[in-house]
Amino acid sequence: MTAPTVDRPDARDHAFLRVCVDLARGALDAGDEPFGSVLVDVEGTILRSDRNRVRGGDATQHPELALARWAAEHLDAEQRRTSTVYTSGEHCPMCSAAHAWVGLGRIVYAASGAQLAGWRERWGIPPGPVAPLPIHVVAPGIPVSGPDPELVGEVRALHARLLGVADR
């Protein structure tokens, strides 16, 4: 399977990704892992936002999964299809699958799963328990944009702070 072309986020995308990175910083400040996401409708209105909530021990409390659940409950199929999920970090396989099963539209991320895995490796941190599969491998029909080169360094710094390592 050939990987689809992943577009670079545009100026509008960047503004929503900025919100996500701020949510990620808020998660980290609250003692959680630095991930934040927003669900945006076709008109550009933020419908819902969330951040990681895994510190209580439930490692499935990702914002992307919470947004997919909310969308399934509150939006019709057309609203879901035309919405966009913006997120500070590329969806993990669990969140990619939920996104696809619920029928959400485009995904835009600030930093990729491959980037996060690379940073962890350089910092000597063992990989997580789930392979960092790209969204298109798990959910091949979803349009994807990312990473955002203007925000990658900031996301990297948040993860370095979480792990207590020098950001290099």
Protein backbone atom coordinates (compact mmCIF):
# COMPACT_ATOMS: atom_id res chain seq x y z
CA MET A 1 0.00 0.00 0.00
CA THR A 2 1.39 3.37 -1.02
CA ALA A 3 1.17 6.15 1.55
CA PRO A 4 -1.10 8.99 0.43
CA THR A 5 0.23 12.49 0.11
CA VAL A 6 -0.12 14.34 3.39
CA ASP A 7 -0.75 18.04 2.92
CA ARG A 8 0.95 20.72 4.94
CA PRO A 9 -1.47 22.61 7.21
CA ASP A 10 -2.47 26.06 5.93
CA ALA A 11 -2.89 29.34 7.86
CA ARG A 12 -6.45 28.51 8.99
CA ASP A 13 -5.27 25.08 10.13
CA HIS A 14 -2.37 26.67 12.01
CA ALA A 15 -4.74 28.80 14.09
CA PHE A 16 -6.70 25.73 15.21
CA LEU A 17 -3.49 23.79 15.84
CA ARG A 18 -2.31 26.65 18.05
CA VAL A 19 -5.43 26.04 20.20
CA CYS A 20 -4.52 22.34 20.36
CA VAL A 21 -0.95 23.02 21.47
CA ASP A 22 -2.30 25.36 24.16
CA LEU A 23 -4.67 22.59 25.31
CA ALA A 24 -1.69 20.20 25.37
CA ARG A 25 0.24 22.66 27.53
CA GLY A 26 -2.78 22.86 29.85
CA ALA A 27 -2.86 19.07 30.09
CA LEU A 28 0.82 19.00 31.01
CA ASP A 29 0.35 21.78 33.57
CA ALA A 30 -2.46 19.67 35.10
CA GLY A 31 -0.12 16.69 35.43
CA ASP A 32 -1.23 14.86 32.31
CA GLU A 33 0.36 13.96 28.98
CA PRO A 34 0.56 16.92 26.56
CA PHE A 35 -2.12 16.28 23.94
CA GLY A 36 -5.02 18.53 22.98
CA SER A 37 -7.64 18.41 20.23
CA VAL A 38 -10.56 20.39 18.81
CA LEU A 39 -13.50 19.37 16.62
CA VAL A 40 -14.37 22.06 14.07
CA ASP A 41 -17.43 22.21 11.83
CA VAL A 42 -17.46 23.09 8.14
CA GLU A 43 -18.04 26.79 8.99
CA GLY A 44 -14.93 26.95 11.20
CA THR A 45 -16.70 26.86 14.56
CA ILE A 46 -15.09 24.88 17.35
CA LEU A 47 -17.77 22.42 18.46
CA ARG A 48 -15.80 20.70 21.19
CA SER A 49 -12.31 20.67 22.65
CA ASP A 50 -10.53 18.34 25.02
CA ARG A 51 -7.12 17.34 26.32
CA ASN A 52 -5.49 14.13 27.51
CA ARG A 53 -6.90 12.76 30.76
CA VAL A 54 -4.82 9.61 31.24
CA ARG A 55 -3.17 10.49 34.56
CA GLY A 56 -5.92 8.71 36.48
CA GLY A 57 -4.75 5.38 35.07
CA ASP A 58 -7.05 4.93 32.05
CA ALA A 59 -4.66 5.17 29.12
CA THR A 60 -7.60 5.36 26.67
CA GLN A 61 -8.65 8.84 27.79
CA HIS A 62 -7.30 10.58 24.69
CA PRO A 63 -8.97 13.78 23.48
CA GLU A 64 -9.38 12.43 19.94
CA LEU A 65 -11.36 9.45 21.24
CA ALA A 66 -13.49 11.73 23.42
CA LEU A 67 -14.24 13.97 20.42
CA ALA A 68 -15.22 10.96 18.29
CA ARG A 69 -17.59 9.74 21.01
CA TRP A 70 -19.09 13.20 21.39
CA ALA A 71 -19.56 13.56 17.61
CA ALA A 72 -21.28 10.17 17.37
CA GLU A 73 -23.74 11.29 20.01
CA HIS A 74 -24.36 14.89 18.90
CA LEU A 75 -23.77 15.21 15.14
CA ASP A 76 -25.50 13.64 12.16
CA ALA A 77 -23.53 11.74 9.53
CA GLU A 78 -23.13 14.76 7.22
CA GLN A 79 -21.92 17.01 10.04
CA ARG A 80 -19.39 14.39 11.07
CA ARG A 81 -18.18 13.86 7.48
CA THR A 82 -17.62 17.59 6.91
CA SER A 83 -15.94 18.29 10.25
CA THR A 84 -12.22 18.46 10.94
CA VAL A 85 -10.34 17.22 13.99
CA TYR A 86 -7.25 19.26 14.83
CA THR A 87 -4.80 17.77 17.28
CA SER A 88 -1.41 18.51 18.77
CA GLY A 89 -0.18 15.00 17.98
CA GLU A 90 -1.10 12.58 15.21
CA HIS A 91 -3.84 10.14 16.21
CA CYS A 92 -2.71 6.85 17.70
CA PRO A 93 -4.18 3.69 16.13
CA MET A 94 -7.03 3.58 18.68
CA CYS A 95 -8.06 7.15 17.93
CA SER A 96 -7.61 6.75 14.16
CA ALA A 97 -9.95 3.75 14.23
CA ALA A 98 -12.55 5.57 16.33
CA HIS A 99 -12.37 8.56 13.99
CA ALA A 100 -12.99 6.30 10.97
CA TRP A 101 -15.76 4.25 12.60
CA VAL A 102 -17.65 7.42 13.61
CA GLY A 103 -17.25 8.87 10.10
CA LEU A 104 -15.41 12.06 10.95
CA GLY A 105 -13.72 14.07 8.20
CA ARG A 106 -10.22 15.43 7.85
CA ILE A 107 -7.50 15.19 10.52
CA VAL A 108 -4.84 17.88 10.94
CA TYR A 109 -1.96 17.43 13.39
CA ALA A 110 0.89 19.59 14.66
CA ALA A 111 3.42 16.76 15.17
CA SER A 112 3.45 13.24 13.77
CA GLY A 113 3.55 9.94 15.59
CA ALA A 114 6.83 9.18 13.83
CA GLN A 115 8.31 12.43 15.16
CA LEU A 116 7.22 11.59 18.72
CA ALA A 117 8.64 8.07 18.43
CA GLY A 118 11.92 9.52 17.11
CA TRP A 119 12.18 12.02 19.96
CA ARG A 120 11.56 9.30 22.54
CA GLU A 121 14.22 7.10 20.95
CA ARG A 122 16.78 9.96 20.92
CA TRP A 123 15.98 10.69 24.57
CA GLY A 124 16.48 7.03 25.54
CA ILE A 125 12.79 6.55 26.43
CA PRO A 126 11.32 3.14 25.60
CA PRO A 127 8.55 3.07 22.99
CA GLY A 128 4.93 3.04 24.07
CA PRO A 129 2.88 -0.18 24.19
CA VAL A 130 1.21 0.43 20.80
CA ALA A 131 2.99 0.80 17.45
CA PRO A 132 2.89 4.41 16.19
CA LEU A 133 1.07 3.59 12.96
CA PRO A 134 0.30 6.55 10.70
CA ILE A 135 -3.37 7.46 10.35
CA HIS A 136 -3.48 6.34 6.70
CA VAL A 137 -2.45 2.81 7.68
CA VAL A 138 -5.29 2.45 10.18
CA ALA A 139 -7.91 4.55 8.36
CA PRO A 140 -6.87 4.89 4.71
CA GLY A 141 -9.87 6.92 3.58
CA ILE A 142 -9.34 9.90 5.87
CA PRO A 143 -7.73 13.07 4.45
CA VAL A 144 -4.77 14.08 6.60
CA SER A 145 -2.63 17.20 6.92
CA GLY A 146 0.46 17.58 9.06
CA PRO A 147 2.83 18.13 10.63
CA ASP A 148 2.93 21.90 11.11
CA PRO A 149 6.63 22.90 10.99
CA GLU A 150 5.91 26.06 12.98
CA LEU A 151 4.58 24.08 15.96
CA VAL A 152 6.69 20.91 15.95
CA GLY A 153 9.41 22.37 18.19
CA GLU A 154 6.87 23.53 20.73
CA VAL A 155 5.23 20.09 20.84
CA ARG A 156 8.66 18.46 21.19
CA ALA A 157 9.46 20.76 24.13
CA LEU A 158 6.20 19.80 25.88
CA HIS A 159 7.06 16.10 25.59
CA ALA A 160 10.61 16.72 26.79
CA ARG A 161 9.18 18.52 29.82
CA LEU A 162 6.80 15.62 30.50
CA LEU A 163 9.65 13.12 30.39
CA GLY A 164 12.14 15.31 32.27
CA VAL A 165 14.72 15.24 29.51
CA ALA A 166 16.78 17.93 27.82
CA ASP A 167 15.08 19.04 24.59
CA ARG A 168 17.72 18.26 22.03
